[in-house]
Amino acid sequence: MEFKLVVQYKDGKALVGISAEGCDPIFEKVEGDIATVLGTAAVLVDTAQEKWKTAKRNPKIDIPAPAQTVPTTGSGAKSVPASSSSPGAKPVPASKSSKAGSAQKPLF
């Protein structure tokens, strides 16, 4: 079986990953010198190949979709469930006065 082995190593810590076409990747964090990391990588290859013989993909998880919300206008705007809005209603843009005092804040 052909596979790809990736090692990211810095300051005695590594992330070792293995992937193969049609298979979910497997990752492991390892601490130690490069010899320790490479020894763990060899074990990870064996572990991955054994796992992929029986299950190439992780089990699918069915997660229900989140409820859709429709924002309301005004300074105290809150989201309300989409089902409670009137059918065919068009969104109303927020007034310019509600935007005047609020500056966009950085994410980070």
PDB file of N, CA and C in Angstrom:
ATOM      1  N   MET A   1       0.851  -1.179   0.000  1.00  0.00           N
ATOM      2  CA  MET A   1       0.000   0.000   0.000  1.00  0.00           C
ATOM      3  C   MET A   1       0.892   1.237   0.000  1.00  0.00           C
ATOM      4  N   GLU A   2       0.569   2.180  -0.867  1.00  0.00           N
ATOM      5  CA  GLU A   2       1.304   3.435  -0.925  1.00  0.00           C
ATOM      6  C   GLU A   2       0.700   4.404   0.092  1.00  0.00           C
ATOM      7  N   PHE A   3       1.555   5.107   0.824  1.00  0.00           N
ATOM      8  CA  PHE A   3       1.076   6.065   1.824  1.00  0.00           C
ATOM      9  C   PHE A   3       2.007   7.258   1.881  1.00  0.00           C
ATOM     10  N   LYS A   4       1.514   8.321   2.536  1.00  0.00           N
ATOM     11  CA  LYS A   4       2.318   9.528   2.733  1.00  0.00           C
ATOM     12  C   LYS A   4       2.539   9.681   4.233  1.00  0.00           C
ATOM     13  N   LEU A   5       3.790   9.893   4.620  1.00  0.00           N
ATOM     14  CA  LEU A   5       4.160  10.101   6.013  1.00  0.00           C
ATOM     15  C   LEU A   5       4.700  11.518   6.146  1.00  0.00           C
ATOM     16  N   VAL A   6       4.119  12.292   7.072  1.00  0.00           N
ATOM     17  CA  VAL A   6       4.532  13.675   7.272  1.00  0.00           C
ATOM     18  C   VAL A   6       4.960  13.846   8.721  1.00  0.00           C
ATOM     19  N   VAL A   7       6.120  14.484   8.918  1.00  0.00           N
ATOM     20  CA  VAL A   7       6.614  14.769  10.266  1.00  0.00           C
ATOM     21  C   VAL A   7       6.908  16.262  10.342  1.00  0.00           C
ATOM     22  N   GLN A   8       6.273  16.916  11.300  1.00  0.00           N
ATOM     23  CA  GLN A   8       6.584  18.324  11.576  1.00  0.00           C
ATOM     24  C   GLN A   8       7.269  18.344  12.937  1.00  0.00           C
ATOM     25  N   TYR A   9       8.524  18.787  12.969  1.00  0.00           N
ATOM     26  CA  TYR A   9       9.340  18.702  14.187  1.00  0.00           C
ATOM     27  C   TYR A   9       9.889  20.074  14.550  1.00  0.00           C
ATOM     28  N   LYS A  10       9.735  20.441  15.835  1.00  0.00           N
ATOM     29  CA  LYS A  10      10.297  21.699  16.328  1.00  0.00           C
ATOM     30  C   LYS A  10      10.463  21.613  17.839  1.00  0.00           C
ATOM     31  N   ASP A  11      11.639  21.966  18.303  1.00  0.00           N
ATOM     32  CA  ASP A  11      11.929  22.075  19.736  1.00  0.00           C
ATOM     33  C   ASP A  11      11.525  20.829  20.537  1.00  0.00           C
ATOM     34  N   GLY A  12      11.848  19.664  20.018  1.00  0.00           N
ATOM     35  CA  GLY A  12      11.586  18.432  20.754  1.00  0.00           C
ATOM     36  C   GLY A  12      10.143  17.960  20.722  1.00  0.00           C
ATOM     37  N   LYS A  13       9.311  18.580  19.888  1.00  0.00           N
ATOM     38  CA  LYS A  13       7.909  18.171  19.760  1.00  0.00           C
ATOM     39  C   LYS A  13       7.616  17.940  18.293  1.00  0.00           C
ATOM     40  N   ALA A  14       6.814  16.918  18.015  1.00  0.00           N
ATOM     41  CA  ALA A  14       6.507  16.597  16.624  1.00  0.00           C
ATOM     42  C   ALA A  14       5.040  16.222  16.468  1.00  0.00           C
ATOM     43  N   LEU A  15       4.552  16.474  15.272  1.00  0.00           N
ATOM     44  CA  LEU A  15       3.248  15.988  14.854  1.00  0.00           C
ATOM     45  C   LEU A  15       3.532  15.042  13.698  1.00  0.00           C
ATOM     46  N   VAL A  16       3.139  13.789  13.868  1.00  0.00           N
ATOM     47  CA  VAL A  16       3.388  12.770  12.858  1.00  0.00           C
ATOM     48  C   VAL A  16       2.038  12.389  12.255  1.00  0.00           C
ATOM     49  N   GLY A  17       1.958  12.393  10.937  1.00  0.00           N
ATOM     50  CA  GLY A  17       0.723  12.042  10.263  1.00  0.00           C
ATOM     51  C   GLY A  17       0.974  11.063   9.140  1.00  0.00           C
ATOM     52  N   ILE A  18      -0.005  10.204   8.904  1.00  0.00           N
ATOM     53  CA  ILE A  18       0.077   9.249   7.805  1.00  0.00           C
ATOM     54  C   ILE A  18      -1.261   9.257   7.079  1.00  0.00           C
ATOM     55  N   SER A  19      -1.186   9.225   5.749  1.00  0.00           N
ATOM     56  CA  SER A  19      -2.414   9.172   4.964  1.00  0.00           C
ATOM     57  C   SER A  19      -2.188   8.297   3.744  1.00  0.00           C
ATOM     58  N   ALA A  20      -3.287   7.774   3.235  1.00  0.00           N
ATOM     59  CA  ALA A  20      -3.257   6.972   2.020  1.00  0.00           C
ATOM     60  C   ALA A  20      -4.532   7.292   1.241  1.00  0.00           C
ATOM     61  N   GLU A  21      -4.477   7.134  -0.062  1.00  0.00           N
ATOM     62  CA  GLU A  21      -5.629   7.450  -0.890  1.00  0.00           C
ATOM     63  C   GLU A  21      -6.830   6.590  -0.474  1.00  0.00           C
ATOM     64  N   GLY A  22      -7.967   7.254  -0.257  1.00  0.00           N
ATOM     65  CA  GLY A  22      -9.190   6.556   0.124  1.00  0.00           C
ATOM     66  C   GLY A  22      -9.285   6.222   1.600  1.00  0.00           C
ATOM     67  N   CYS A  23      -8.308   6.678   2.399  1.00  0.00           N
ATOM     68  CA  CYS A  23      -8.295   6.382   3.831  1.00  0.00           C
ATOM     69  C   CYS A  23      -8.254   7.683   4.625  1.00  0.00           C
ATOM     70  N   ASP A  24      -8.897   7.685   5.792  1.00  0.00           N
ATOM     71  CA  ASP A  24      -8.796   8.841   6.672  1.00  0.00           C
ATOM     72  C   ASP A  24      -7.396   8.898   7.264  1.00  0.00           C
ATOM     73  N   PRO A  25      -6.825  10.105   7.388  1.00  0.00           N
ATOM     74  CA  PRO A  25      -5.473  10.226   7.946  1.00  0.00           C
ATOM     75  C   PRO A  25      -5.450   9.945   9.447  1.00  0.00           C
ATOM     76  N   ILE A  26      -4.271   9.604   9.921  1.00  0.00           N
ATOM     77  CA  ILE A  26      -4.063   9.354  11.351  1.00  0.00           C
ATOM     78  C   ILE A  26      -2.908  10.246  11.798  1.00  0.00           C
ATOM     79  N   PHE A  27      -3.107  10.917  12.935  1.00  0.00           N
ATOM     80  CA  PHE A  27      -2.093  11.831  13.468  1.00  0.00           C
ATOM     81  C   PHE A  27      -1.748  11.451  14.895  1.00  0.00           C
ATOM     82  N   GLU A  28      -0.516  11.789  15.290  1.00  0.00           N
ATOM     83  CA  GLU A  28      -0.093  11.556  16.675  1.00  0.00           C
ATOM     84  C   GLU A  28       0.933  12.613  17.067  1.00  0.00           C
ATOM     85  N   LYS A  29       0.794  13.149  18.280  1.00  0.00           N
ATOM     86  CA  LYS A  29       1.794  14.081  18.823  1.00  0.00           C
ATOM     87  C   LYS A  29       2.849  13.259  19.544  1.00  0.00           C
ATOM     88  N   VAL A  30       4.116  13.656  19.335  1.00  0.00           N
ATOM     89  CA  VAL A  30       5.230  12.933  19.948  1.00  0.00           C
ATOM     90  C   VAL A  30       6.215  13.949  20.503  1.00  0.00           C
ATOM     91  N   GLU A  31       6.754  13.663  21.695  1.00  0.00           N
ATOM     92  CA  GLU A  31       7.800  14.499  22.275  1.00  0.00           C
ATOM     93  C   GLU A  31       9.064  13.674  22.398  1.00  0.00           C
ATOM     94  N   GLY A  32      10.205  14.306  22.103  1.00  0.00           N
ATOM     95  CA  GLY A  32      11.486  13.623  22.213  1.00  0.00           C
ATOM     96  C   GLY A  32      12.413  14.033  21.090  1.00  0.00           C
ATOM     97  N   ASP A  33      13.573  13.354  21.035  1.00  0.00           N
ATOM     98  CA  ASP A  33      14.522  13.666  19.973  1.00  0.00           C
ATOM     99  C   ASP A  33      14.037  13.052  18.657  1.00  0.00           C
ATOM    100  N   ILE A  34      14.750  13.343  17.591  1.00  0.00           N
ATOM    101  CA  ILE A  34      14.315  12.903  16.268  1.00  0.00           C
ATOM    102  C   ILE A  34      14.279  11.375  16.160  1.00  0.00           C
ATOM    103  N   ALA A  35      15.178  10.684  16.849  1.00  0.00           N
ATOM    104  CA  ALA A  35      15.178   9.209  16.822  1.00  0.00           C
ATOM    105  C   ALA A  35      13.897   8.661  17.444  1.00  0.00           C
ATOM    106  N   THR A  36      13.452   9.264  18.543  1.00  0.00           N
ATOM    107  CA  THR A  36      12.203   8.852  19.191  1.00  0.00           C
ATOM    108  C   THR A  36      11.020   9.090  18.260  1.00  0.00           C
ATOM    109  N   VAL A  37      11.017  10.251  17.625  1.00  0.00           N
ATOM    110  CA  VAL A  37       9.927  10.598  16.712  1.00  0.00           C
ATOM    111  C   VAL A  37       9.864   9.614  15.545  1.00  0.00           C
ATOM    112  N   LEU A  38      11.006   9.320  14.949  1.00  0.00           N
ATOM    113  CA  LEU A  38      11.016   8.398  13.813  1.00  0.00           C
ATOM    114  C   LEU A  38      10.641   6.977  14.234  1.00  0.00           C
ATOM    115  N   GLY A  39      11.022   6.575  15.443  1.00  0.00           N
ATOM    116  CA  GLY A  39      10.608   5.265  15.954  1.00  0.00           C
ATOM    117  C   GLY A  39       9.098   5.200  16.123  1.00  0.00           C
ATOM    118  N   THR A  40       8.501   6.282  16.615  1.00  0.00           N
ATOM    119  CA  THR A  40       7.054   6.351  16.765  1.00  0.00           C
ATOM    120  C   THR A  40       6.379   6.366  15.400  1.00  0.00           C
ATOM    121  N   ALA A  41       7.003   7.023  14.429  1.00  0.00           N
ATOM    122  CA  ALA A  41       6.441   7.073  13.079  1.00  0.00           C
ATOM    123  C   ALA A  41       6.344   5.669  12.484  1.00  0.00           C
ATOM    124  N   ALA A  42       7.351   4.841  12.707  1.00  0.00           N
ATOM    125  CA  ALA A  42       7.329   3.469  12.198  1.00  0.00           C
ATOM    126  C   ALA A  42       6.178   2.679  12.814  1.00  0.00           C
ATOM    127  N   VAL A  43       5.955   2.861  14.107  1.00  0.00           N
ATOM    128  CA  VAL A  43       4.847   2.189  14.789  1.00  0.00           C
ATOM    129  C   VAL A  43       3.511   2.712  14.260  1.00  0.00           C
ATOM    130  N   LEU A  44       3.422   4.028  14.019  1.00  0.00           N
ATOM    131  CA  LEU A  44       2.189   4.629  13.505  1.00  0.00           C
ATOM    132  C   LEU A  44       1.854   4.080  12.121  1.00  0.00           C
ATOM    133  N   VAL A  45       2.841   3.860  11.285  1.00  0.00           N
ATOM    134  CA  VAL A  45       2.620   3.275   9.957  1.00  0.00           C
ATOM    135  C   VAL A  45       1.986   1.894  10.100  1.00  0.00           C
ATOM    136  N   ASP A  46       2.542   1.062  10.958  1.00  0.00           N
ATOM    137  CA  ASP A  46       1.992  -0.286  11.173  1.00  0.00           C
ATOM    138  C   ASP A  46       0.563  -0.215  11.704  1.00  0.00           C
ATOM    139  N   THR A  47       0.332   0.676  12.673  1.00  0.00           N
ATOM    140  CA  THR A  47      -1.001   0.830  13.269  1.00  0.00           C
ATOM    141  C   THR A  47      -2.014   1.275  12.216  1.00  0.00           C
ATOM    142  N   ALA A  48      -1.631   2.252  11.405  1.00  0.00           N
ATOM    143  CA  ALA A  48      -2.537   2.768  10.371  1.00  0.00           C
ATOM    144  C   ALA A  48      -2.872   1.688   9.345  1.00  0.00           C
ATOM    145  N   GLN A  49      -1.871   0.961   8.901  1.00  0.00           N
ATOM    146  CA  GLN A  49      -2.126  -0.069   7.895  1.00  0.00           C
ATOM    147  C   GLN A  49      -3.044  -1.168   8.437  1.00  0.00           C
ATOM    148  N   GLU A  50      -2.887  -1.536   9.689  1.00  0.00           N
ATOM    149  CA  GLU A  50      -3.780  -2.529  10.294  1.00  0.00           C
ATOM    150  C   GLU A  50      -5.205  -1.988  10.389  1.00  0.00           C
ATOM    151  N   LYS A  51      -5.344  -0.733  10.804  1.00  0.00           N
ATOM    152  CA  LYS A  51      -6.674  -0.125  10.917  1.00  0.00           C
ATOM    153  C   LYS A  51      -7.351  -0.049   9.558  1.00  0.00           C
ATOM    154  N   TRP A  52      -6.607   0.375   8.541  1.00  0.00           N
ATOM    155  CA  TRP A  52      -7.168   0.551   7.208  1.00  0.00           C
ATOM    156  C   TRP A  52      -7.586  -0.771   6.557  1.00  0.00           C
ATOM    157  N   LYS A  53      -7.045  -1.893   7.032  1.00  0.00           N
ATOM    158  CA  LYS A  53      -7.478  -3.195   6.496  1.00  0.00           C
ATOM    159  C   LYS A  53      -8.943  -3.453   6.839  1.00  0.00           C
ATOM    160  N   THR A  54      -9.384  -2.995   8.012  1.00  0.00           N
ATOM    161  CA  THR A  54     -10.756  -3.245   8.451  1.00  0.00           C
ATOM    162  C   THR A  54     -11.687  -2.052   8.255  1.00  0.00           C
ATOM    163  N   ALA A  55     -11.150  -0.824   8.352  1.00  0.00           N
ATOM    164  CA  ALA A  55     -11.987   0.372   8.218  1.00  0.00           C
ATOM    165  C   ALA A  55     -11.145   1.513   7.662  1.00  0.00           C
ATOM    166  N   LYS A  56     -11.306   1.803   6.380  1.00  0.00           N
ATOM    167  CA  LYS A  56     -10.517   2.868   5.765  1.00  0.00           C
ATOM    168  C   LYS A  56     -10.994   4.247   6.193  1.00  0.00           C
ATOM    169  N   ARG A  57     -12.261   4.348   6.526  1.00  0.00           N
ATOM    170  CA  ARG A  57     -12.839   5.634   6.920  1.00  0.00           C
ATOM    171  C   ARG A  57     -13.366   5.551   8.342  1.00  0.00           C
ATOM    172  N   ASN A  58     -13.318   6.684   9.046  1.00  0.00           N
ATOM    173  CA  ASN A  58     -13.921   6.754  10.371  1.00  0.00           C
ATOM    174  C   ASN A  58     -15.438   6.682  10.207  1.00  0.00           C
ATOM    175  N   PRO A  59     -16.146   6.218  11.239  1.00  0.00           N
ATOM    176  CA  PRO A  59     -17.612   6.130  11.123  1.00  0.00           C
ATOM    177  C   PRO A  59     -18.227   7.504  10.876  1.00  0.00           C
ATOM    178  N   LYS A  60     -19.269   7.525  10.050  1.00  0.00           N
ATOM    179  CA  LYS A  60     -19.966   8.778   9.755  1.00  0.00           C
ATOM    180  C   LYS A  60     -20.828   9.147  10.955  1.00  0.00           C
ATOM    181  N   ILE A  61     -20.836  10.432  11.274  1.00  0.00           N
ATOM    182  CA  ILE A  61     -21.645  10.932  12.381  1.00  0.00           C
ATOM    183  C   ILE A  61     -22.754  11.788  11.792  1.00  0.00           C
ATOM    184  N   ASP A  62     -23.991  11.472  12.127  1.00  0.00           N
ATOM    185  CA  ASP A  62     -25.122  12.270  11.671  1.00  0.00           C
ATOM    186  C   ASP A  62     -25.434  13.327  12.713  1.00  0.00           C
ATOM    187  N   ILE A  63     -25.120  14.566  12.373  1.00  0.00           N
ATOM    188  CA  ILE A  63     -25.364  15.694  13.272  1.00  0.00           C
ATOM    189  C   ILE A  63     -26.511  16.504  12.691  1.00  0.00           C
ATOM    190  N   PRO A  64     -27.557  16.758  13.492  1.00  0.00           N
ATOM    191  CA  PRO A  64     -28.672  17.544  12.958  1.00  0.00           C
ATOM    192  C   PRO A  64     -28.224  18.958  12.625  1.00  0.00           C
ATOM    193  N   ALA A  65     -28.814  19.512  11.571  1.00  0.00           N
ATOM    194  CA  ALA A  65     -28.485  20.866  11.153  1.00  0.00           C
ATOM    195  C   ALA A  65     -28.985  21.854  12.202  1.00  0.00           C
ATOM    196  N   PRO A  66     -28.236  22.942  12.431  1.00  0.00           N
ATOM    197  CA  PRO A  66     -28.692  23.937  13.402  1.00  0.00           C
ATOM    198  C   PRO A  66     -29.926  24.659  12.883  1.00  0.00           C
ATOM    199  N   ALA A  67     -30.741  25.140  13.809  1.00  0.00           N
ATOM    200  CA  ALA A  67     -31.929  25.888  13.429  1.00  0.00           C
ATOM    201  C   ALA A  67     -31.500  27.179  12.760  1.00  0.00           C
ATOM    202  N   GLN A  68     -32.177  27.541  11.681  1.00  0.00           N
ATOM    203  CA  GLN A  68     -31.849  28.773  10.972  1.00  0.00           C
ATOM    204  C   GLN A  68     -32.481  29.945  11.701  1.00  0.00           C
ATOM    205  N   THR A  69     -31.767  31.061  11.733  1.00  0.00           N
ATOM    206  CA  THR A  69     -32.275  32.254  12.409  1.00  0.00           C
ATOM    207  C   THR A  69     -32.303  33.431  11.447  1.00  0.00           C
ATOM    208  N   VAL A  70     -33.201  34.363  11.728  1.00  0.00           N
ATOM    209  CA  VAL A  70     -33.317  35.578  10.930  1.00  0.00           C
ATOM    210  C   VAL A  70     -33.094  36.744  11.876  1.00  0.00           C
ATOM    211  N   PRO A  71     -32.083  37.607  11.586  1.00  0.00           N
ATOM    212  CA  PRO A  71     -31.833  38.741  12.486  1.00  0.00           C
ATOM    213  C   PRO A  71     -32.948  39.776  12.375  1.00  0.00           C
ATOM    214  N   THR A  72     -33.238  40.430  13.498  1.00  0.00           N
ATOM    215  CA  THR A  72     -34.199  41.532  13.488  1.00  0.00           C
ATOM    216  C   THR A  72     -33.416  42.827  13.476  1.00  0.00           C
ATOM    217  N   THR A  73     -34.089  43.954  13.261  1.00  0.00           N
ATOM    218  CA  THR A  73     -33.394  45.232  13.188  1.00  0.00           C
ATOM    219  C   THR A  73     -33.494  45.967  14.511  1.00  0.00           C
ATOM    220  N   GLY A  74     -32.699  47.015  14.642  1.00  0.00           N
ATOM    221  CA  GLY A  74     -32.733  47.832  15.854  1.00  0.00           C
ATOM    222  C   GLY A  74     -31.489  47.641  16.671  1.00  0.00           C
ATOM    223  N   SER A  75     -31.305  48.518  17.676  1.00  0.00           N
ATOM    224  CA  SER A  75     -30.092  48.472  18.482  1.00  0.00           C
ATOM    225  C   SER A  75     -30.044  47.243  19.381  1.00  0.00           C
ATOM    226  N   GLY A  76     -31.188  46.730  19.792  1.00  0.00           N
ATOM    227  CA  GLY A  76     -31.223  45.531  20.635  1.00  0.00           C
ATOM    228  C   GLY A  76     -31.563  44.312  19.806  1.00  0.00           C
ATOM    229  N   ALA A  77     -30.994  44.203  18.603  1.00  0.00           N
ATOM    230  CA  ALA A  77     -31.343  43.129  17.683  1.00  0.00           C
ATOM    231  C   ALA A  77     -31.017  41.772  18.271  1.00  0.00           C
ATOM    232  N   LYS A  78     -31.929  40.851  18.098  1.00  0.00           N
ATOM    233  CA  LYS A  78     -31.752  39.479  18.536  1.00  0.00           C
ATOM    234  C   LYS A  78     -32.169  38.579  17.390  1.00  0.00           C
ATOM    235  N   SER A  79     -31.606  37.387  17.342  1.00  0.00           N
ATOM    236  CA  SER A  79     -32.002  36.438  16.317  1.00  0.00           C
ATOM    237  C   SER A  79     -33.250  35.718  16.771  1.00  0.00           C
ATOM    238  N   VAL A  80     -34.148  35.509  15.843  1.00  0.00           N
ATOM    239  CA  VAL A  80     -35.373  34.776  16.128  1.00  0.00           C
ATOM    240  C   VAL A  80     -35.442  33.613  15.165  1.00  0.00           C
ATOM    241  N   PRO A  81     -36.060  32.506  15.552  1.00  0.00           N
ATOM    242  CA  PRO A  81     -36.152  31.367  14.645  1.00  0.00           C
ATOM    243  C   PRO A  81     -36.824  31.771  13.340  1.00  0.00           C
ATOM    244  N   ALA A  82     -36.316  31.229  12.223  1.00  0.00           N
ATOM    245  CA  ALA A  82     -36.846  31.569  10.908  1.00  0.00           C
ATOM    246  C   ALA A  82     -38.312  31.188  10.789  1.00  0.00           C
ATOM    247  N   SER A  83     -38.730  30.130  11.468  1.00  0.00           N
ATOM    248  CA  SER A  83     -40.111  29.682  11.373  1.00  0.00           C
ATOM    249  C   SER A  83     -41.086  30.683  11.976  1.00  0.00           C
ATOM    250  N   SER A  84     -40.623  31.579  12.866  1.00  0.00           N
ATOM    251  CA  SER A  84     -41.533  32.537  13.483  1.00  0.00           C
ATOM    252  C   SER A  84     -41.690  33.804  12.660  1.00  0.00           C
ATOM    253  N   SER A  85     -40.864  33.975  11.614  1.00  0.00           N
ATOM    254  CA  SER A  85     -41.030  35.157  10.771  1.00  0.00           C
ATOM    255  C   SER A  85     -42.152  34.902   9.782  1.00  0.00           C
ATOM    256  N   SER A  86     -42.741  35.973   9.297  1.00  0.00           N
ATOM    257  CA  SER A  86     -43.862  35.807   8.375  1.00  0.00           C
ATOM    258  C   SER A  86     -43.339  35.338   7.029  1.00  0.00           C
ATOM    259  N   PRO A  87     -44.072  34.442   6.367  1.00  0.00           N
ATOM    260  CA  PRO A  87     -43.616  33.920   5.073  1.00  0.00           C
ATOM    261  C   PRO A  87     -43.515  35.041   4.052  1.00  0.00           C
ATOM    262  N   GLY A  88     -42.471  34.999   3.255  1.00  0.00           N
ATOM    263  CA  GLY A  88     -42.285  35.979   2.207  1.00  0.00           C
ATOM    264  C   GLY A  88     -41.790  37.328   2.691  1.00  0.00           C
ATOM    265  N   ALA A  89     -41.504  37.462   3.982  1.00  0.00           N
ATOM    266  CA  ALA A  89     -41.038  38.742   4.516  1.00  0.00           C
ATOM    267  C   ALA A  89     -39.626  39.009   4.018  1.00  0.00           C
ATOM    268  N   LYS A  90     -39.364  40.269   3.669  1.00  0.00           N
ATOM    269  CA  LYS A  90     -38.039  40.660   3.205  1.00  0.00           C
ATOM    270  C   LYS A  90     -37.268  41.284   4.353  1.00  0.00           C
ATOM    271  N   PRO A  91     -35.951  41.027   4.438  1.00  0.00           N
ATOM    272  CA  PRO A  91     -35.161  41.623   5.511  1.00  0.00           C
ATOM    273  C   PRO A  91     -35.131  43.144   5.377  1.00  0.00           C
ATOM    274  N   VAL A  92     -35.152  43.818   6.498  1.00  0.00           N
ATOM    275  CA  VAL A  92     -35.105  45.276   6.527  1.00  0.00           C
ATOM    276  C   VAL A  92     -33.711  45.678   6.965  1.00  0.00           C
ATOM    277  N   PRO A  93     -33.010  46.533   6.192  1.00  0.00           N
ATOM    278  CA  PRO A  93     -31.656  46.930   6.590  1.00  0.00           C
ATOM    279  C   PRO A  93     -31.677  47.732   7.886  1.00  0.00           C
ATOM    280  N   ALA A  94     -30.614  47.603   8.669  1.00  0.00           N
ATOM    281  CA  ALA A  94     -30.502  48.348   9.926  1.00  0.00           C
ATOM    282  C   ALA A  94     -30.394  49.835   9.614  1.00  0.00           C
ATOM    283  N   SER A  95     -30.902  50.650  10.499  1.00  0.00           N
ATOM    284  CA  SER A  95     -30.856  52.097  10.268  1.00  0.00           C
ATOM    285  C   SER A  95     -29.425  52.596  10.402  1.00  0.00           C
ATOM    286  N   LYS A  96     -29.132  53.712   9.744  1.00  0.00           N
ATOM    287  CA  LYS A  96     -27.787  54.280   9.790  1.00  0.00           C
ATOM    288  C   LYS A  96     -27.426  54.721  11.196  1.00  0.00           C
ATOM    289  N   SER A  97     -28.424  55.142  11.978  1.00  0.00           N
ATOM    290  CA  SER A  97     -28.130  55.608  13.338  1.00  0.00           C
ATOM    291  C   SER A  97     -27.632  54.478  14.228  1.00  0.00           C
ATOM    292  N   SER A  98     -28.056  53.245  13.975  1.00  0.00           N
ATOM    293  CA  SER A  98     -27.587  52.135  14.808  1.00  0.00           C
ATOM    294  C   SER A  98     -26.150  51.759  14.460  1.00  0.00           C
ATOM    295  N   LYS A  99     -25.682  52.104  13.258  1.00  0.00           N
ATOM    296  CA  LYS A  99     -24.312  51.791  12.859  1.00  0.00           C
ATOM    297  C   LYS A  99     -23.328  52.872  13.269  1.00  0.00           C
ATOM    298  N   ALA A 100     -23.806  54.091  13.487  1.00  0.00           N
ATOM    299  CA  ALA A 100     -22.920  55.234  13.723  1.00  0.00           C
ATOM    300  C   ALA A 100     -21.999  55.054  14.907  1.00  0.00           C
ATOM    301  N   GLY A 101     -22.475  54.529  16.024  1.00  0.00           N
ATOM    302  CA  GLY A 101     -21.653  54.444  17.225  1.00  0.00           C
ATOM    303  C   GLY A 101     -20.853  53.165  17.346  1.00  0.00           C
ATOM    304  N   SER A 102     -21.014  52.244  16.428  1.00  0.00           N
ATOM    305  CA  SER A 102     -20.324  50.962  16.596  1.00  0.00           C
ATOM    306  C   SER A 102     -19.235  50.820  15.554  1.00  0.00           C
ATOM    307  N   ALA A 103     -18.004  50.642  16.027  1.00  0.00           N
ATOM    308  CA  ALA A 103     -16.861  50.416  15.138  1.00  0.00           C
ATOM    309  C   ALA A 103     -16.591  48.929  15.111  1.00  0.00           C
ATOM    310  N   GLN A 104     -16.176  48.420  13.958  1.00  0.00           N
ATOM    311  CA  GLN A 104     -15.867  47.001  13.841  1.00  0.00           C
ATOM    312  C   GLN A 104     -14.616  46.707  14.638  1.00  0.00           C
ATOM    313  N   LYS A 105     -14.664  45.666  15.445  1.00  0.00           N
ATOM    314  CA  LYS A 105     -13.533  45.273  16.268  1.00  0.00           C
ATOM    315  C   LYS A 105     -12.770  44.152  15.580  1.00  0.00           C
ATOM    316  N   PRO A 106     -11.453  44.106  15.747  1.00  0.00           N
ATOM    317  CA  PRO A 106     -10.672  43.040  15.126  1.00  0.00           C
ATOM    318  C   PRO A 106     -10.980  41.692  15.771  1.00  0.00           C
ATOM    319  N   LEU A 107     -10.846  40.628  14.978  1.00  0.00           N
ATOM    320  CA  LEU A 107     -11.092  39.290  15.484  1.00  0.00           C
ATOM    321  C   LEU A 107      -9.985  38.821  16.410  1.00  0.00           C
ATOM    322  N   PHE A 108      -8.750  39.257  16.154  1.00  0.00           N
ATOM    323  CA  PHE A 108      -7.616  38.778  16.953  1.00  0.00           C
ATOM    324  C   PHE A 108      -6.891  39.925  17.577  1.00  0.00           C
TER     325      PHE A 108
END
